Amino acid sequence: MKKIPLYVQIIIALIIAVIVGVLLGAGSPILDKETIEHLALPCTLILKALRTLATPLIFLAILHTFLTADIPSRSGRKLSVLLMTNTLVAIGIGLLVANVLRPGAGGSALAVAQSTKPVVKQLDPWGLLADIIPDSVVKPLVDNNVISLIFVALAFGIVLRAIKTEQVQLGQRDYLAIEQGVGTLFDAVIRILHWVIALVPIAVFGIVSKTIALQGFAPFKSLGSFVLAVIVALLLQGAYYLTRVKISSWLSPQQFVRGGSDALITAFSTASSTATMPITFESLQKMGLRESSASLGALVGSNFNNDGTALYEAMSALFISQVIGQNLELPQQLMVMLTSIVASVGAAGIPEAGLVTMTLVFSSVGLPTEYIAILITVDWFLDRCRTAINVMGDMTVSAIIDGKHRQA
């Protein structure tokens, strides 16, 4: 029996949730509030599981990438610059659109009454430096401290990569045990993540039915504004990619879009850049790009280049901050930018994986992670849109690396 796709399950859950919410009163609840609140319990538990997985996922993703990525030294510097530039532009576009359109400004109905007002963390450069080195190696994993986690992961990743390079040159193979161990642990976290993500439709049903029962449909109006704002930002990022292709590649934007259509459609359909990877690689070769250029973008770049995810997570943080009236100032937005970069690297190439790393982005500026539950209701659609942009970014990197003149 063929498995029902996750997005179909989520749509079905949404429909059933609307019906249940209406039956329970649609803003005039027929049951007591405490009983209806229990509907959101599965969503609370799933969010806790996502927070639990966030730090080990990013830590292992960085180690795994350092150990397995095959980046030629000549192209490595250019690839690094391209990936960082694309990600920074994506986050910049996301923050700009969120600040200009302010999709959460009229979303007070989404705000949840809290006994204590959320405290937005200030950006303290000296405190940030002091927090870089943790008291123990495991403390960043326990505390979900993104900055310390980056430091520990990069330190181990760089050293292990250097050890691997030395042993390869000497013909030794001791590094394989560590590489396989990290790979196995990374696969284990991804498998657990699959289990959690499989429960997302239950979370969607719970949070939507509860919200409609208690507050009616008003809270979801601003979510429509958020969806439109994200789509506008993703389209601007797509326009940036086409501009880069026109300026820095022998391909024309028309050839680029036409040749990459299969990969983009597959990315939107599957919401998985990992599943799309072979299609992306094949499409790039059909365009006429060299195999080395195609592999750098599609196979290597895809591990780092999640621009759509970075853009979405930055916009989500600003959207929720606007909803709860805790507008983030420039220093806090810089913190969002930093953590979004790291979170996009750690986001696995599977559906809904961005929800995992989003918990770290929210925590970095003191935003309540329970508001991620609200975003789950529209994430199934936006996940597809941002995955297509992620894949488009991979193809752009390959096209630029291939150069302005077609190789014979």
Protein backbone atom coordinates (compact mmCIF):
# COMPACT_ATOMS: atom_id res chain seq x y z
CA MET A 1 0.00 0.00 0.00
CA LYS A 2 1.39 3.38 -1.04
CA LYS A 3 2.13 5.75 1.85
CA ILE A 4 0.17 8.99 1.93
CA PRO A 5 2.60 11.93 1.40
CA LEU A 6 3.24 14.07 4.46
CA TYR A 7 1.79 17.23 2.90
CA VAL A 8 -1.45 15.38 2.09
CA GLN A 9 -1.63 14.16 5.69
CA ILE A 10 -1.17 17.75 6.90
CA ILE A 11 -3.91 19.05 4.58
CA ILE A 12 -6.28 16.33 5.82
CA ALA A 13 -5.36 17.21 9.42
CA LEU A 14 -6.09 20.89 8.71
CA ILE A 15 -9.53 20.09 7.26
CA ILE A 16 -10.47 17.84 10.19
CA ALA A 17 -9.12 20.45 12.65
CA VAL A 18 -11.29 23.19 11.13
CA ILE A 19 -14.37 20.95 11.41
CA VAL A 20 -13.59 20.04 15.03
CA GLY A 21 -12.82 23.66 15.91
CA VAL A 22 -16.16 24.79 14.48
CA LEU A 23 -18.02 22.01 16.28
CA LEU A 24 -16.37 23.10 19.54
CA GLY A 25 -17.65 26.65 19.15
CA ALA A 26 -15.35 28.58 16.76
CA GLY A 27 -14.58 31.35 19.24
CA SER A 28 -17.47 30.61 21.60
CA PRO A 29 -16.27 27.32 23.10
CA ILE A 30 -18.93 24.86 24.26
CA LEU A 31 -16.44 23.12 26.57
CA ASP A 32 -14.31 24.62 29.32
CA LYS A 33 -11.05 26.21 28.21
CA GLU A 34 -8.82 23.76 30.10
CA THR A 35 -10.31 20.77 28.29
CA ILE A 36 -9.83 22.38 24.87
CA GLU A 37 -6.25 23.35 25.77
CA HIS A 38 -5.43 19.63 26.00
CA LEU A 39 -5.79 19.42 22.21
CA ALA A 40 -2.46 21.24 21.89
CA LEU A 41 -0.57 18.72 24.07
CA PRO A 42 0.74 16.66 21.10
CA CYS A 43 2.09 19.86 19.53
CA THR A 44 3.86 20.79 22.78
CA LEU A 45 5.50 17.38 23.01
CA ILE A 46 6.59 17.45 19.35
CA LEU A 47 8.15 20.90 19.81
CA LYS A 48 10.06 19.61 22.85
CA ALA A 49 11.34 16.72 20.75
CA LEU A 50 12.43 19.14 18.01
CA ARG A 51 14.31 21.27 20.55
CA THR A 52 16.00 18.13 21.85
CA LEU A 53 17.19 17.17 18.37
CA ALA A 54 18.29 20.65 17.26
CA THR A 55 21.75 20.87 18.83
CA PRO A 56 22.95 17.31 18.11
CA LEU A 57 21.67 17.66 14.54
CA ILE A 58 23.71 20.81 13.88
CA PHE A 59 26.78 19.49 15.71
CA LEU A 60 26.82 16.21 13.77
CA ALA A 61 25.91 17.93 10.48
CA ILE A 62 28.97 20.19 10.75
CA LEU A 63 31.27 17.29 11.68
CA HIS A 64 29.84 15.07 8.93
CA THR A 65 30.27 17.78 6.32
CA PHE A 66 33.89 18.49 7.30
CA LEU A 67 34.73 14.79 7.20
CA THR A 68 32.95 13.80 3.99
CA ALA A 69 32.84 16.87 1.73
CA ASP A 70 35.32 16.60 -1.12
CA ILE A 71 36.21 20.19 -2.01
CA PRO A 72 39.15 20.77 -4.39
CA SER A 73 41.50 23.35 -2.88
CA ARG A 74 41.45 25.48 -6.03
CA SER A 75 37.66 25.83 -6.09
CA GLY A 76 37.14 25.67 -2.33
CA ARG A 77 37.74 29.36 -1.66
CA LYS A 78 35.44 30.47 -4.49
CA LEU A 79 32.78 28.01 -3.36
CA SER A 80 32.98 29.26 0.25
CA VAL A 81 32.62 32.89 -0.83
CA LEU A 82 29.65 32.07 -3.07
CA LEU A 83 27.86 30.07 -0.38
CA MET A 84 28.36 32.73 2.29
CA THR A 85 27.36 35.55 -0.06
CA ASN A 86 24.17 33.76 -1.16
CA THR A 87 23.16 33.01 2.42
CA LEU A 88 23.82 36.55 3.66
CA VAL A 89 21.84 38.02 0.75
CA ALA A 90 18.96 35.61 1.46
CA ILE A 91 18.80 36.54 5.14
CA GLY A 92 19.16 40.23 4.27
CA ILE A 93 16.23 39.98 1.83
CA GLY A 94 14.16 38.14 4.43
CA LEU A 95 14.82 40.73 7.12
CA LEU A 96 14.19 43.61 4.70
CA VAL A 97 10.83 42.23 3.53
CA ALA A 98 9.77 41.42 7.11
CA ASN A 99 10.68 44.94 8.28
CA VAL A 100 8.97 46.66 5.35
CA LEU A 101 5.78 44.57 5.10
CA ARG A 102 5.56 43.78 8.85
CA PRO A 103 3.25 40.76 8.38
CA GLY A 104 2.93 40.19 12.15
CA ALA A 105 1.97 43.77 13.04
CA GLY A 106 -1.75 42.99 12.97
CA GLY A 107 -1.45 39.52 14.43
CA SER A 108 -2.18 40.25 18.08
CA ALA A 109 -4.89 37.56 17.96
CA LEU A 110 -2.10 35.01 17.56
CA ALA A 111 -0.42 36.10 20.78
CA VAL A 112 -0.79 33.76 23.71
CA ALA A 113 -1.41 35.22 27.14
CA GLN A 114 1.62 34.63 29.33
CA SER A 115 2.25 35.18 33.03
CA THR A 116 5.60 36.75 32.29
CA LYS A 117 6.49 38.98 29.41
CA PRO A 118 9.10 37.50 27.06
CA VAL A 119 12.49 39.15 27.48
CA VAL A 120 14.26 39.79 24.20
CA LYS A 121 17.97 39.16 24.61
CA GLN A 122 20.28 42.04 23.83
CA LEU A 123 23.32 41.60 21.63
CA ASP A 124 26.31 41.88 23.95
CA PRO A 125 29.54 41.57 21.90
CA TRP A 126 31.73 41.06 24.97
CA GLY A 127 29.30 38.62 26.51
CA LEU A 128 29.17 36.84 23.17
CA LEU A 129 32.94 36.44 23.19
CA ALA A 130 32.84 35.20 26.77
CA ASP A 131 30.20 32.61 25.87
CA ILE A 132 32.09 31.24 22.86
CA ILE A 133 34.19 28.85 24.93
CA PRO A 134 31.86 26.67 27.05
CA ASP A 135 32.57 25.40 30.56
CA SER A 136 32.47 21.84 29.19
CA VAL A 137 32.25 20.18 25.78
CA VAL A 138 28.71 18.93 26.38
CA LYS A 139 27.34 22.18 27.88
CA PRO A 140 26.29 23.71 24.50
CA LEU A 141 24.27 20.57 23.76
CA VAL A 142 22.55 20.75 27.14
CA ASP A 143 21.93 24.52 27.11
CA ASN A 144 21.11 24.82 23.37
CA ASN A 145 23.80 27.53 23.18
CA VAL A 146 24.29 28.17 19.47
CA ILE A 147 27.49 30.24 19.72
CA SER A 148 29.33 27.72 21.89
CA LEU A 149 28.01 24.89 19.74
CA ILE A 150 29.48 26.50 16.61
CA PHE A 151 32.85 26.88 18.31
CA VAL A 152 32.99 23.26 19.51
CA ALA A 153 31.69 21.83 16.21
CA LEU A 154 34.09 23.89 14.07
CA ALA A 155 37.04 23.08 16.34
CA PHE A 156 36.42 19.35 16.14
CA GLY A 157 35.50 19.53 12.44
CA ILE A 158 38.67 21.38 11.41
CA VAL A 159 40.93 19.14 13.50
CA LEU A 160 39.33 15.91 12.30
CA ARG A 161 39.56 17.10 8.69
CA ALA A 162 43.26 17.87 9.16
CA ILE A 163 43.87 14.45 10.72
CA LYS A 164 42.04 12.77 7.85
CA THR A 165 44.12 14.69 5.26
CA GLU A 166 47.38 13.74 6.99
CA GLN A 167 46.42 10.07 7.21
CA VAL A 168 45.32 9.94 3.58
CA GLN A 169 48.69 11.33 2.51
CA LEU A 170 50.45 8.67 4.64
CA GLY A 171 48.23 5.90 3.36
CA GLN A 172 46.67 5.34 6.80
CA ARG A 173 42.99 4.55 7.35
CA ASP A 174 42.47 5.10 11.09
CA TYR A 175 40.24 8.10 10.37
CA LEU A 176 37.61 5.83 8.79
CA ALA A 177 36.37 4.66 12.21
CA ILE A 178 35.63 8.24 13.31
CA GLU A 179 34.13 9.14 9.93
CA GLN A 180 31.86 6.09 10.00
CA GLY A 181 30.96 6.74 13.65
CA VAL A 182 29.95 10.34 12.96
CA GLY A 183 28.05 9.22 9.85
CA THR A 184 26.17 6.56 11.84
CA LEU A 185 25.25 9.00 14.61
CA PHE A 186 24.14 11.59 12.05
CA ASP A 187 21.96 8.98 10.30
CA ALA A 188 20.52 7.96 13.70
CA VAL A 189 19.51 11.56 14.51
CA ILE A 190 17.97 11.92 11.05
CA ARG A 191 16.00 8.71 11.56
CA ILE A 192 14.65 9.91 14.91
CA LEU A 193 13.84 13.22 13.24
CA HIS A 194 11.82 11.31 10.63
CA TRP A 195 9.79 9.75 13.46
CA VAL A 196 9.07 13.14 15.00
CA ILE A 197 8.20 14.76 11.67
CA ALA A 198 5.80 11.90 10.91
CA LEU A 199 3.77 13.15 13.90
CA VAL A 200 3.51 16.74 12.58
CA PRO A 201 -0.03 16.20 11.18
CA ILE A 202 -1.19 15.35 14.73
CA ALA A 203 0.44 18.56 15.98
CA VAL A 204 -1.25 20.56 13.21
CA PHE A 205 -4.65 19.06 14.09
CA GLY A 206 -4.20 19.85 17.78
CA ILE A 207 -3.02 23.44 17.50
CA VAL A 208 -5.49 24.44 14.75
CA SER A 209 -8.55 22.84 16.35
CA LYS A 210 -7.67 24.38 19.73
CA THR A 211 -7.08 27.84 18.25
CA ILE A 212 -10.28 27.84 16.20
CA ALA A 213 -12.34 26.52 19.13
CA LEU A 214 -11.10 29.23 21.50
CA GLN A 215 -10.52 32.20 19.19
CA GLY A 216 -12.26 31.48 15.90
CA PHE A 217 -10.51 32.19 12.58
CA ALA A 218 -9.14 35.65 13.42
CA PRO A 219 -5.66 34.42 14.49
CA PHE A 220 -5.02 32.91 11.05
CA LYS A 221 -5.53 36.11 9.07
CA SER A 222 -2.04 37.38 9.79
CA LEU A 223 -0.62 33.99 8.82
CA GLY A 224 -1.85 34.72 5.30
CA SER A 225 0.15 37.96 5.35
CA PHE A 226 3.19 36.02 6.56
CA VAL A 227 2.87 33.46 3.74
CA LEU A 228 2.66 36.24 1.14
CA ALA A 229 5.65 38.05 2.66
CA VAL A 230 7.77 34.88 2.57
CA ILE A 231 6.81 34.20 -1.04
CA VAL A 232 7.74 37.78 -2.00
CA ALA A 233 11.13 37.36 -0.29
CA LEU A 234 11.76 33.99 -1.98
CA LEU A 235 10.90 35.47 -5.37
CA LEU A 236 13.38 38.30 -4.75
CA GLN A 237 16.02 35.71 -3.84
CA GLY A 238 15.22 33.86 -7.08
CA ALA A 239 15.63 37.12 -9.02
CA TYR A 240 19.01 37.60 -7.33
CA TYR A 241 20.10 34.14 -8.48
CA LEU A 242 19.09 34.84 -12.08
CA THR A 243 20.98 38.14 -11.97
CA ARG A 244 24.11 36.36 -10.72
CA VAL A 245 23.77 33.77 -13.50
CA LYS A 246 23.41 36.48 -16.13
CA ILE A 247 26.47 38.37 -14.89
CA SER A 248 28.82 35.53 -13.92
CA SER A 249 27.94 32.53 -16.10
CA TRP A 250 27.92 31.63 -19.78
CA LEU A 251 24.38 30.35 -19.31
CA SER A 252 21.50 32.73 -19.97
CA PRO A 253 18.78 32.98 -17.29
CA GLN A 254 16.35 31.41 -19.78
CA GLN A 255 18.63 28.41 -20.34
CA PHE A 256 19.18 28.16 -16.61
CA VAL A 257 15.46 28.06 -15.72
CA ARG A 258 14.54 25.78 -18.61
CA GLY A 259 17.39 23.37 -17.94
CA GLY A 260 16.77 23.29 -14.20
CA SER A 261 12.97 22.99 -14.34
CA ASP A 262 12.99 19.27 -13.53
CA ALA A 263 15.07 19.84 -10.39
CA LEU A 264 12.94 22.80 -9.26
CA ILE A 265 9.67 20.91 -9.77
CA THR A 266 11.08 17.87 -7.96
CA ALA A 267 12.22 20.08 -5.07
CA PHE A 268 8.76 21.64 -4.74
CA SER A 269 7.06 18.24 -5.01
CA THR A 270 9.23 16.39 -2.49
CA ALA A 271 10.20 19.29 -0.15
CA SER A 272 13.56 17.52 0.10
CA SER A 273 16.82 18.84 -1.33
CA THR A 274 18.42 15.46 -0.57
CA ALA A 275 15.87 13.58 -2.67
CA THR A 276 16.30 16.18 -5.42
CA MET A 277 20.12 16.00 -5.41
CA PRO A 278 20.54 13.42 -8.24
CA ILE A 279 17.99 15.27 -10.38
CA THR A 280 19.85 18.54 -9.76
CA PHE A 281 23.17 16.98 -10.73
CA GLU A 282 21.69 15.46 -13.90
CA SER A 283 19.99 18.74 -14.89
CA LEU A 284 23.24 20.70 -14.48
CA GLN A 285 25.10 18.26 -16.72
CA LYS A 286 22.33 18.44 -19.35
CA MET A 287 22.75 22.23 -19.36
CA GLY A 288 26.34 21.65 -20.48
CA LEU A 289 28.16 22.39 -17.22
CA ARG A 290 31.34 20.48 -16.44
CA GLU A 291 30.98 17.53 -14.12
CA SER A 292 33.27 19.15 -11.55
CA SER A 293 31.16 22.33 -11.50
CA ALA A 294 27.91 20.37 -11.28
CA SER A 295 29.18 18.24 -8.39
CA LEU A 296 30.43 21.25 -6.39
CA GLY A 297 27.03 22.92 -6.48
CA ALA A 298 24.68 19.95 -6.37
CA LEU A 299 26.61 17.55 -4.14
CA VAL A 300 28.93 19.70 -2.00
CA GLY A 301 27.08 23.03 -1.94
CA SER A 302 23.79 21.38 -0.99
CA ASN A 303 25.27 20.54 2.42
CA PHE A 304 25.85 24.23 3.19
CA ASN A 305 23.65 26.13 0.77
CA ASN A 306 20.16 26.31 2.33
CA ASP A 307 19.42 29.93 1.52
CA GLY A 308 15.64 29.51 1.41
CA THR A 309 15.71 27.94 4.87
CA ALA A 310 17.90 30.74 6.27
CA LEU A 311 15.59 33.38 4.79
CA TYR A 312 12.49 31.67 6.19
CA GLU A 313 13.87 31.24 9.69
CA ALA A 314 14.95 34.89 9.88
CA MET A 315 11.53 36.05 8.69
CA SER A 316 9.78 33.71 11.15
CA ALA A 317 11.68 35.23 14.07
CA LEU A 318 10.72 38.77 13.01
CA PHE A 319 7.12 37.75 12.34
CA ILE A 320 6.65 36.26 15.81
CA SER A 321 8.44 39.20 17.45
CA GLN A 322 5.95 41.53 15.71
CA VAL A 323 3.01 39.36 16.77
CA ILE A 324 3.93 39.49 20.47
CA GLY A 325 4.97 43.14 20.35
CA GLN A 326 8.65 42.49 21.05
CA ASN A 327 10.04 44.08 17.91
CA LEU A 328 13.67 43.18 17.42
CA GLU A 329 16.14 46.04 17.12
CA LEU A 330 19.13 45.95 14.74
CA PRO A 331 21.48 44.19 17.21
CA GLN A 332 18.94 41.42 17.78
CA GLN A 333 18.37 41.11 14.03
CA LEU A 334 22.13 40.66 13.60
CA MET A 335 21.91 37.82 16.12
CA VAL A 336 19.05 36.33 14.10
CA MET A 337 21.22 36.59 11.00
CA LEU A 338 24.11 34.77 12.69
CA THR A 339 22.03 31.94 14.09
CA SER A 340 20.04 31.57 10.85
CA ILE A 341 23.29 30.95 8.98
CA VAL A 342 24.24 28.17 11.39
CA ALA A 343 20.71 26.77 11.47
CA SER A 344 20.52 26.61 7.68
CA VAL A 345 23.73 24.55 7.59
CA GLY A 346 22.34 22.13 10.16
CA ALA A 347 18.93 21.79 8.50
CA ALA A 348 18.72 18.30 7.06
CA GLY A 349 17.48 17.95 3.49
CA ILE A 350 14.17 16.37 4.50
CA PRO A 351 10.63 17.80 4.77
CA GLU A 352 9.91 20.05 7.77
CA ALA A 353 13.53 19.85 9.02
CA GLY A 354 13.69 23.66 9.23
CA LEU A 355 11.31 23.47 12.21
CA VAL A 356 14.06 21.74 14.19
CA THR A 357 16.75 24.36 13.80
CA MET A 358 14.23 27.21 14.11
CA THR A 359 14.10 26.51 17.84
CA LEU A 360 17.73 27.66 18.11
CA VAL A 361 17.05 30.86 16.14
CA PHE A 362 14.16 31.75 18.45
CA SER A 363 16.11 30.92 21.60
CA SER A 364 19.07 33.07 20.53
CA VAL A 365 16.99 36.25 20.86
CA GLY A 366 14.68 35.14 23.65
CA LEU A 367 11.56 34.48 21.58
CA PRO A 368 9.16 31.84 22.98
CA THR A 369 9.61 28.63 20.99
CA GLU A 370 5.98 27.62 21.58
CA TYR A 371 5.02 30.06 18.82
CA ILE A 372 6.66 27.73 16.31
CA ALA A 373 3.50 25.65 16.75
CA ILE A 374 1.55 28.39 14.96
CA LEU A 375 3.94 28.29 12.01
CA ILE A 376 3.51 24.52 11.64
CA THR A 377 0.09 25.17 10.11
CA VAL A 378 1.61 26.86 7.04
CA ASP A 379 5.08 25.33 7.08
CA TRP A 380 4.07 22.37 4.89
CA PHE A 381 3.55 24.77 1.97
CA LEU A 382 6.39 27.21 2.65
CA ASP A 383 8.76 24.27 3.11
CA ARG A 384 8.22 23.35 -0.55
CA CYS A 385 8.80 26.92 -1.70
CA ARG A 386 12.02 27.36 0.25
CA THR A 387 13.32 23.92 -0.83
CA ALA A 388 12.94 24.99 -4.46
CA ILE A 389 14.97 28.12 -3.66
CA ASN A 390 17.60 25.99 -1.89
CA VAL A 391 18.00 23.87 -5.03
CA MET A 392 18.01 26.94 -7.26
CA GLY A 393 20.85 28.28 -5.10
CA ASP A 394 22.80 25.04 -5.60
CA MET A 395 22.39 25.32 -9.36
CA THR A 396 23.44 28.97 -9.30
CA VAL A 397 26.67 28.08 -7.49
CA SER A 398 27.47 25.45 -10.15
CA ALA A 399 26.73 27.88 -13.00
CA ILE A 400 28.99 30.58 -11.53
CA ILE A 401 31.85 28.15 -10.79
CA ASP A 402 31.67 26.95 -14.40
CA GLY A 403 32.65 30.47 -15.47
CA LYS A 404 31.66 33.04 -18.09
CA HIS A 405 33.03 30.99 -20.96
CA ARG A 406 31.78 27.56 -21.87
CA GLN A 407 34.45 24.89 -21.63
CA ALA A 408 35.01 22.75 -24.69
